[in-house]
């Protein structure tokens, strides 16, 4: 098992902070996006296929830490 939370500081340090006053939809966490990239790589998914599988599979929901 991998403690995915231990990656949070390293991942967050790689990106600059944007201005939250610009508005718009709240962004996904960078750690979750890293998890999505891992899923895409393991299952060889395109962007569209990854989006579909994330909404379709409970195992992907659990891996990403999403609620139903």
PDB file of N, CA and C in Angstrom:
ATOM      1  N   UNK A   1       0.836  -1.173   0.000  1.00  0.00           N
ATOM      2  CA  UNK A   1       0.000   0.000   0.000  1.00  0.00           C
ATOM      3  C   UNK A   1       0.883   1.240   0.000  1.00  0.00           C
ATOM      4  N   UNK A   2       0.403   2.245  -0.668  1.00  0.00           N
ATOM      5  CA  UNK A   2       1.115   3.512  -0.765  1.00  0.00           C
ATOM      6  C   UNK A   2       0.300   4.574  -0.046  1.00  0.00           C
ATOM      7  N   UNK A   3       0.971   5.337   0.799  1.00  0.00           N
ATOM      8  CA  UNK A   3       0.309   6.464   1.456  1.00  0.00           C
ATOM      9  C   UNK A   3       0.305   7.616   0.466  1.00  0.00           C
ATOM     10  N   UNK A   4      -0.819   7.752  -0.247  1.00  0.00           N
ATOM     11  CA  UNK A   4      -0.902   8.783  -1.287  1.00  0.00           C
ATOM     12  C   UNK A   4      -0.855  10.181  -0.705  1.00  0.00           C
ATOM     13  N   UNK A   5      -1.227  10.330   0.554  1.00  0.00           N
ATOM     14  CA  UNK A   5      -1.188  11.642   1.193  1.00  0.00           C
ATOM     15  C   UNK A   5       0.235  12.170   1.331  1.00  0.00           C
ATOM     16  N   UNK A   6       1.208  11.260   1.355  1.00  0.00           N
ATOM     17  CA  UNK A   6       2.593  11.698   1.490  1.00  0.00           C
ATOM     18  C   UNK A   6       3.085  12.427   0.241  1.00  0.00           C
ATOM     19  N   UNK A   7       2.400  12.236  -0.884  1.00  0.00           N
ATOM     20  CA  UNK A   7       2.776  12.923  -2.119  1.00  0.00           C
ATOM     21  C   UNK A   7       2.248  14.356  -2.181  1.00  0.00           C
ATOM     22  N   UNK A   8       1.282  14.683  -1.323  1.00  0.00           N
ATOM     23  CA  UNK A   8       0.579  15.959  -1.418  1.00  0.00           C
ATOM     24  C   UNK A   8       1.540  17.153  -1.402  1.00  0.00           C
ATOM     25  N   UNK A   9       2.450  17.211  -0.459  1.00  0.00           N
ATOM     26  CA  UNK A   9       3.358  18.354  -0.353  1.00  0.00           C
ATOM     27  C   UNK A   9       4.252  18.466  -1.592  1.00  0.00           C
ATOM     28  N   UNK A  10       4.730  17.341  -2.082  1.00  0.00           N
ATOM     29  CA  UNK A  10       5.602  17.361  -3.260  1.00  0.00           C
ATOM     30  C   UNK A  10       4.851  17.815  -4.500  1.00  0.00           C
ATOM     31  N   UNK A  11       3.623  17.348  -4.656  1.00  0.00           N
ATOM     32  CA  UNK A  11       2.824  17.717  -5.825  1.00  0.00           C
ATOM     33  C   UNK A  11       2.440  19.185  -5.755  1.00  0.00           C
ATOM     34  N   UNK A  12       1.970  19.640  -4.606  1.00  0.00           N
ATOM     35  CA  UNK A  12       1.558  21.032  -4.449  1.00  0.00           C
ATOM     36  C   UNK A  12       2.726  21.996  -4.661  1.00  0.00           C
ATOM     37  N   UNK A  13       3.930  21.590  -4.295  1.00  0.00           N
ATOM     38  CA  UNK A  13       5.101  22.461  -4.433  1.00  0.00           C
ATOM     39  C   UNK A  13       5.490  22.688  -5.895  1.00  0.00           C
ATOM     40  N   UNK A  14       5.046  21.826  -6.794  1.00  0.00           N
ATOM     41  CA  UNK A  14       5.428  21.924  -8.200  1.00  0.00           C
ATOM     42  C   UNK A  14       4.608  22.943  -8.983  1.00  0.00           C
ATOM     43  N   UNK A  15       3.526  23.452  -8.399  1.00  0.00           N
ATOM     44  CA  UNK A  15       2.632  24.341  -9.119  1.00  0.00           C
ATOM     45  C   UNK A  15       2.495  25.675  -8.401  1.00  0.00           C
ATOM     46  N   UNK A  16       2.331  26.709  -9.182  1.00  0.00           N
ATOM     47  CA  UNK A  16       2.116  28.029  -8.597  1.00  0.00           C
ATOM     48  C   UNK A  16       0.652  28.177  -8.211  1.00  0.00           C
ATOM     49  N   UNK A  17       0.391  29.051  -7.266  1.00  0.00           N
ATOM     50  CA  UNK A  17      -0.970  29.286  -6.801  1.00  0.00           C
ATOM     51  C   UNK A  17      -1.615  30.337  -7.688  1.00  0.00           C
ATOM     52  N   UNK A  18      -2.816  30.029  -8.184  1.00  0.00           N
ATOM     53  CA  UNK A  18      -3.518  31.001  -9.028  1.00  0.00           C
ATOM     54  C   UNK A  18      -4.381  31.891  -8.150  1.00  0.00           C
ATOM     55  N   UNK A  19      -4.861  32.967  -8.723  1.00  0.00           N
ATOM     56  CA  UNK A  19      -5.685  33.928  -7.998  1.00  0.00           C
ATOM     57  C   UNK A  19      -7.111  33.391  -7.867  1.00  0.00           C
ATOM     58  N   UNK A  20      -7.577  33.090  -6.638  1.00  0.00           N
ATOM     59  CA  UNK A  20      -8.928  32.546  -6.477  1.00  0.00           C
ATOM     60  C   UNK A  20     -10.021  33.580  -6.736  1.00  0.00           C
ATOM     61  N   UNK A  21      -9.662  34.857  -6.866  1.00  0.00           N
ATOM     62  CA  UNK A  21     -10.646  35.911  -7.087  1.00  0.00           C
ATOM     63  C   UNK A  21     -11.158  35.939  -8.520  1.00  0.00           C
ATOM     64  N   UNK A  22     -10.524  35.178  -9.408  1.00  0.00           N
ATOM     65  CA  UNK A  22     -10.930  35.170 -10.814  1.00  0.00           C
ATOM     66  C   UNK A  22     -12.279  34.512 -11.012  1.00  0.00           C
ATOM     67  N   UNK A  23     -12.720  33.702 -10.061  1.00  0.00           N
ATOM     68  CA  UNK A  23     -14.020  33.049 -10.170  1.00  0.00           C
ATOM     69  C   UNK A  23     -13.942  31.758 -10.948  1.00  0.00           C
ATOM     70  N   UNK A  24     -15.113  31.237 -11.280  1.00  0.00           N
ATOM     71  CA  UNK A  24     -15.173  29.990 -12.021  1.00  0.00           C
ATOM     72  C   UNK A  24     -15.350  28.803 -11.099  1.00  0.00           C
ATOM     73  N   UNK A  25     -15.373  27.647 -11.693  1.00  0.00           N
ATOM     74  CA  UNK A  25     -15.560  26.407 -10.949  1.00  0.00           C
ATOM     75  C   UNK A  25     -14.313  26.101 -10.126  1.00  0.00           C
ATOM     76  N   UNK A  26     -14.476  25.642  -8.889  1.00  0.00           N
ATOM     77  CA  UNK A  26     -13.295  25.263  -8.099  1.00  0.00           C
ATOM     78  C   UNK A  26     -12.524  24.143  -8.789  1.00  0.00           C
ATOM     79  N   UNK A  27     -11.222  24.253  -8.769  1.00  0.00           N
ATOM     80  CA  UNK A  27     -10.384  23.253  -9.417  1.00  0.00           C
ATOM     81  C   UNK A  27     -10.328  21.978  -8.599  1.00  0.00           C
ATOM     82  N   UNK A  28     -10.023  20.892  -9.269  1.00  0.00           N
ATOM     83  CA  UNK A  28      -9.764  19.639  -8.575  1.00  0.00           C
ATOM     84  C   UNK A  28      -8.404  19.760  -7.902  1.00  0.00           C
ATOM     85  N   UNK A  29      -8.224  19.002  -6.850  1.00  0.00           N
ATOM     86  CA  UNK A  29      -6.931  19.055  -6.178  1.00  0.00           C
ATOM     87  C   UNK A  29      -5.867  18.473  -7.099  1.00  0.00           C
ATOM     88  N   UNK A  30      -4.691  18.943  -6.925  1.00  0.00           N
ATOM     89  CA  UNK A  30      -3.593  18.471  -7.774  1.00  0.00           C
ATOM     90  C   UNK A  30      -3.287  17.011  -7.498  1.00  0.00           C
ATOM     91  N   UNK A  31      -3.461  16.587  -6.245  1.00  0.00           N
ATOM     92  CA  UNK A  31      -3.230  15.188  -5.915  1.00  0.00           C
ATOM     93  C   UNK A  31      -4.242  14.298  -6.629  1.00  0.00           C
ATOM     94  N   UNK A  32      -5.497  14.734  -6.708  1.00  0.00           N
ATOM     95  CA  UNK A  32      -6.498  13.946  -7.418  1.00  0.00           C
ATOM     96  C   UNK A  32      -6.153  13.877  -8.905  1.00  0.00           C
ATOM     97  N   UNK A  33      -5.676  14.963  -9.479  1.00  0.00           N
ATOM     98  CA  UNK A  33      -5.302  14.941 -10.892  1.00  0.00           C
ATOM     99  C   UNK A  33      -4.127  13.990 -11.124  1.00  0.00           C
ATOM    100  N   UNK A  34      -3.206  13.909 -10.160  1.00  0.00           N
ATOM    101  CA  UNK A  34      -2.109  12.952 -10.263  1.00  0.00           C
ATOM    102  C   UNK A  34      -2.660  11.528 -10.239  1.00  0.00           C
ATOM    103  N   UNK A  35      -3.642  11.279  -9.390  1.00  0.00           N
ATOM    104  CA  UNK A  35      -4.277   9.958  -9.329  1.00  0.00           C
ATOM    105  C   UNK A  35      -4.974   9.630 -10.646  1.00  0.00           C
ATOM    106  N   UNK A  36      -5.613  10.633 -11.256  1.00  0.00           N
ATOM    107  CA  UNK A  36      -6.260  10.418 -12.558  1.00  0.00           C
ATOM    108  C   UNK A  36      -5.208  10.037 -13.605  1.00  0.00           C
ATOM    109  N   UNK A  37      -4.068  10.689 -13.576  1.00  0.00           N
ATOM    110  CA  UNK A  37      -2.999  10.343 -14.520  1.00  0.00           C
ATOM    111  C   UNK A  37      -2.499   8.927 -14.299  1.00  0.00           C
ATOM    112  N   UNK A  38      -2.436   8.502 -13.042  1.00  0.00           N
ATOM    113  CA  UNK A  38      -2.030   7.121 -12.739  1.00  0.00           C
ATOM    114  C   UNK A  38      -3.047   6.149 -13.322  1.00  0.00           C
ATOM    115  N   UNK A  39      -4.341   6.418 -13.116  1.00  0.00           N
ATOM    116  CA  UNK A  39      -5.382   5.549 -13.673  1.00  0.00           C
ATOM    117  C   UNK A  39      -5.322   5.515 -15.194  1.00  0.00           C
ATOM    118  N   UNK A  40      -5.109   6.673 -15.799  1.00  0.00           N
ATOM    119  CA  UNK A  40      -5.030   6.725 -17.266  1.00  0.00           C
ATOM    120  C   UNK A  40      -3.870   5.880 -17.771  1.00  0.00           C
ATOM    121  N   UNK A  41      -2.753   5.932 -17.073  1.00  0.00           N
ATOM    122  CA  UNK A  41      -1.570   5.183 -17.490  1.00  0.00           C
ATOM    123  C   UNK A  41      -1.772   3.677 -17.306  1.00  0.00           C
ATOM    124  N   UNK A  42      -2.312   3.289 -16.154  1.00  0.00           N
ATOM    125  CA  UNK A  42      -2.502   1.866 -15.868  1.00  0.00           C
ATOM    126  C   UNK A  42      -3.486   1.235 -16.842  1.00  0.00           C
ATOM    127  N   UNK A  43      -4.599   1.927 -17.110  1.00  0.00           N
ATOM    128  CA  UNK A  43      -5.649   1.363 -17.956  1.00  0.00           C
ATOM    129  C   UNK A  43      -5.590   1.843 -19.405  1.00  0.00           C
ATOM    130  N   UNK A  44      -4.572   2.630 -19.755  1.00  0.00           N
ATOM    131  CA  UNK A  44      -4.377   3.122 -21.121  1.00  0.00           C
ATOM    132  C   UNK A  44      -5.648   3.810 -21.630  1.00  0.00           C
ATOM    133  N   UNK A  45      -6.084   4.855 -20.896  1.00  0.00           N
ATOM    134  CA  UNK A  45      -7.328   5.550 -21.205  1.00  0.00           C
ATOM    135  C   UNK A  45      -7.057   6.913 -21.822  1.00  0.00           C
ATOM    136  N   UNK A  46      -7.917   7.318 -22.736  1.00  0.00           N
ATOM    137  CA  UNK A  46      -7.881   8.683 -23.257  1.00  0.00           C
ATOM    138  C   UNK A  46      -8.570   9.589 -22.247  1.00  0.00           C
ATOM    139  N   UNK A  47      -8.577  10.887 -22.493  1.00  0.00           N
ATOM    140  CA  UNK A  47      -9.266  11.818 -21.598  1.00  0.00           C
ATOM    141  C   UNK A  47     -10.749  11.479 -21.487  1.00  0.00           C
ATOM    142  N   UNK A  48     -11.396  11.278 -22.621  1.00  0.00           N
ATOM    143  CA  UNK A  48     -12.822  10.982 -22.624  1.00  0.00           C
ATOM    144  C   UNK A  48     -13.117   9.646 -21.946  1.00  0.00           C
ATOM    145  N   UNK A  49     -12.303   8.647 -22.239  1.00  0.00           N
ATOM    146  CA  UNK A  49     -12.511   7.330 -21.633  1.00  0.00           C
ATOM    147  C   UNK A  49     -12.280   7.384 -20.125  1.00  0.00           C
ATOM    148  N   UNK A  50     -11.281   8.145 -19.690  1.00  0.00           N
ATOM    149  CA  UNK A  50     -11.019   8.279 -18.255  1.00  0.00           C
ATOM    150  C   UNK A  50     -12.184   8.964 -17.564  1.00  0.00           C
ATOM    151  N   UNK A  51     -12.714  10.005 -18.170  1.00  0.00           N
ATOM    152  CA  UNK A  51     -13.862  10.698 -17.592  1.00  0.00           C
ATOM    153  C   UNK A  51     -15.056   9.755 -17.459  1.00  0.00           C
ATOM    154  N   UNK A  52     -15.306   8.959 -18.489  1.00  0.00           N
ATOM    155  CA  UNK A  52     -16.416   8.013 -18.439  1.00  0.00           C
ATOM    156  C   UNK A  52     -16.193   6.971 -17.346  1.00  0.00           C
ATOM    157  N   UNK A  53     -15.000   6.400 -17.293  1.00  0.00           N
ATOM    158  CA  UNK A  53     -14.726   5.358 -16.310  1.00  0.00           C
ATOM    159  C   UNK A  53     -14.781   5.891 -14.878  1.00  0.00           C
ATOM    160  N   UNK A  54     -14.361   7.122 -14.674  1.00  0.00           N
ATOM    161  CA  UNK A  54     -14.418   7.719 -13.340  1.00  0.00           C
ATOM    162  C   UNK A  54     -15.861   7.856 -12.883  1.00  0.00           C
ATOM    163  N   UNK A  55     -16.749   8.213 -13.793  1.00  0.00           N
ATOM    164  CA  UNK A  55     -18.157   8.346 -13.416  1.00  0.00           C
ATOM    165  C   UNK A  55     -18.857   6.995 -13.346  1.00  0.00           C
ATOM    166  N   UNK A  56     -18.303   5.967 -13.982  1.00  0.00           N
ATOM    167  CA  UNK A  56     -18.958   4.673 -14.084  1.00  0.00           C
ATOM    168  C   UNK A  56     -18.495   3.666 -13.028  1.00  0.00           C
ATOM    169  N   UNK A  57     -17.226   3.657 -12.680  1.00  0.00           N
ATOM    170  CA  UNK A  57     -16.677   2.612 -11.811  1.00  0.00           C
ATOM    171  C   UNK A  57     -16.569   3.073 -10.357  1.00  0.00           C
ATOM    172  N   UNK A  58     -17.074   2.252  -9.457  1.00  0.00           N
ATOM    173  CA  UNK A  58     -16.948   2.550  -8.035  1.00  0.00           C
ATOM    174  C   UNK A  58     -15.493   2.433  -7.571  1.00  0.00           C
ATOM    175  N   UNK A  59     -14.730   1.540  -8.180  1.00  0.00           N
ATOM    176  CA  UNK A  59     -13.331   1.379  -7.794  1.00  0.00           C
ATOM    177  C   UNK A  59     -12.534   2.648  -8.114  1.00  0.00           C
ATOM    178  N   UNK A  60     -12.858   3.303  -9.228  1.00  0.00           N
ATOM    179  CA  UNK A  60     -12.183   4.556  -9.565  1.00  0.00           C
ATOM    180  C   UNK A  60     -12.595   5.648  -8.579  1.00  0.00           C
ATOM    181  N   UNK A  61     -13.887   5.686  -8.223  1.00  0.00           N
ATOM    182  CA  UNK A  61     -14.362   6.642  -7.233  1.00  0.00           C
ATOM    183  C   UNK A  61     -13.600   6.468  -5.920  1.00  0.00           C
ATOM    184  N   UNK A  62     -13.461   5.220  -5.498  1.00  0.00           N
ATOM    185  CA  UNK A  62     -12.782   4.943  -4.232  1.00  0.00           C
ATOM    186  C   UNK A  62     -11.306   5.357  -4.311  1.00  0.00           C
ATOM    187  N   UNK A  63     -10.642   5.026  -5.388  1.00  0.00           N
ATOM    188  CA  UNK A  63      -9.231   5.380  -5.560  1.00  0.00           C
ATOM    189  C   UNK A  63      -9.025   6.887  -5.539  1.00  0.00           C
ATOM    190  N   UNK A  64      -9.944   7.619  -6.151  1.00  0.00           N
ATOM    191  CA  UNK A  64      -9.815   9.079  -6.218  1.00  0.00           C
ATOM    192  C   UNK A  64     -10.320   9.804  -4.972  1.00  0.00           C
ATOM    193  N   UNK A  65     -10.989   9.055  -4.092  1.00  0.00           N
ATOM    194  CA  UNK A  65     -11.500   9.653  -2.876  1.00  0.00           C
ATOM    195  C   UNK A  65     -12.765  10.490  -3.094  1.00  0.00           C
ATOM    196  N   UNK A  66     -13.538  10.133  -4.110  1.00  0.00           N
ATOM    197  CA  UNK A  66     -14.763  10.852  -4.421  1.00  0.00           C
ATOM    198  C   UNK A  66     -15.940  10.235  -3.685  1.00  0.00           C
ATOM    199  N   UNK A  67     -16.961  11.037  -3.450  1.00  0.00           N
ATOM    200  CA  UNK A  67     -18.185  10.541  -2.845  1.00  0.00           C
ATOM    201  C   UNK A  67     -19.189  10.233  -3.939  1.00  0.00           C
ATOM    202  N   UNK A  68     -20.165   9.382  -3.612  1.00  0.00           N
ATOM    203  CA  UNK A  68     -21.168   9.005  -4.608  1.00  0.00           C
ATOM    204  C   UNK A  68     -22.094  10.125  -4.896  1.00  0.00           C
TER     205      UNK A  68
END
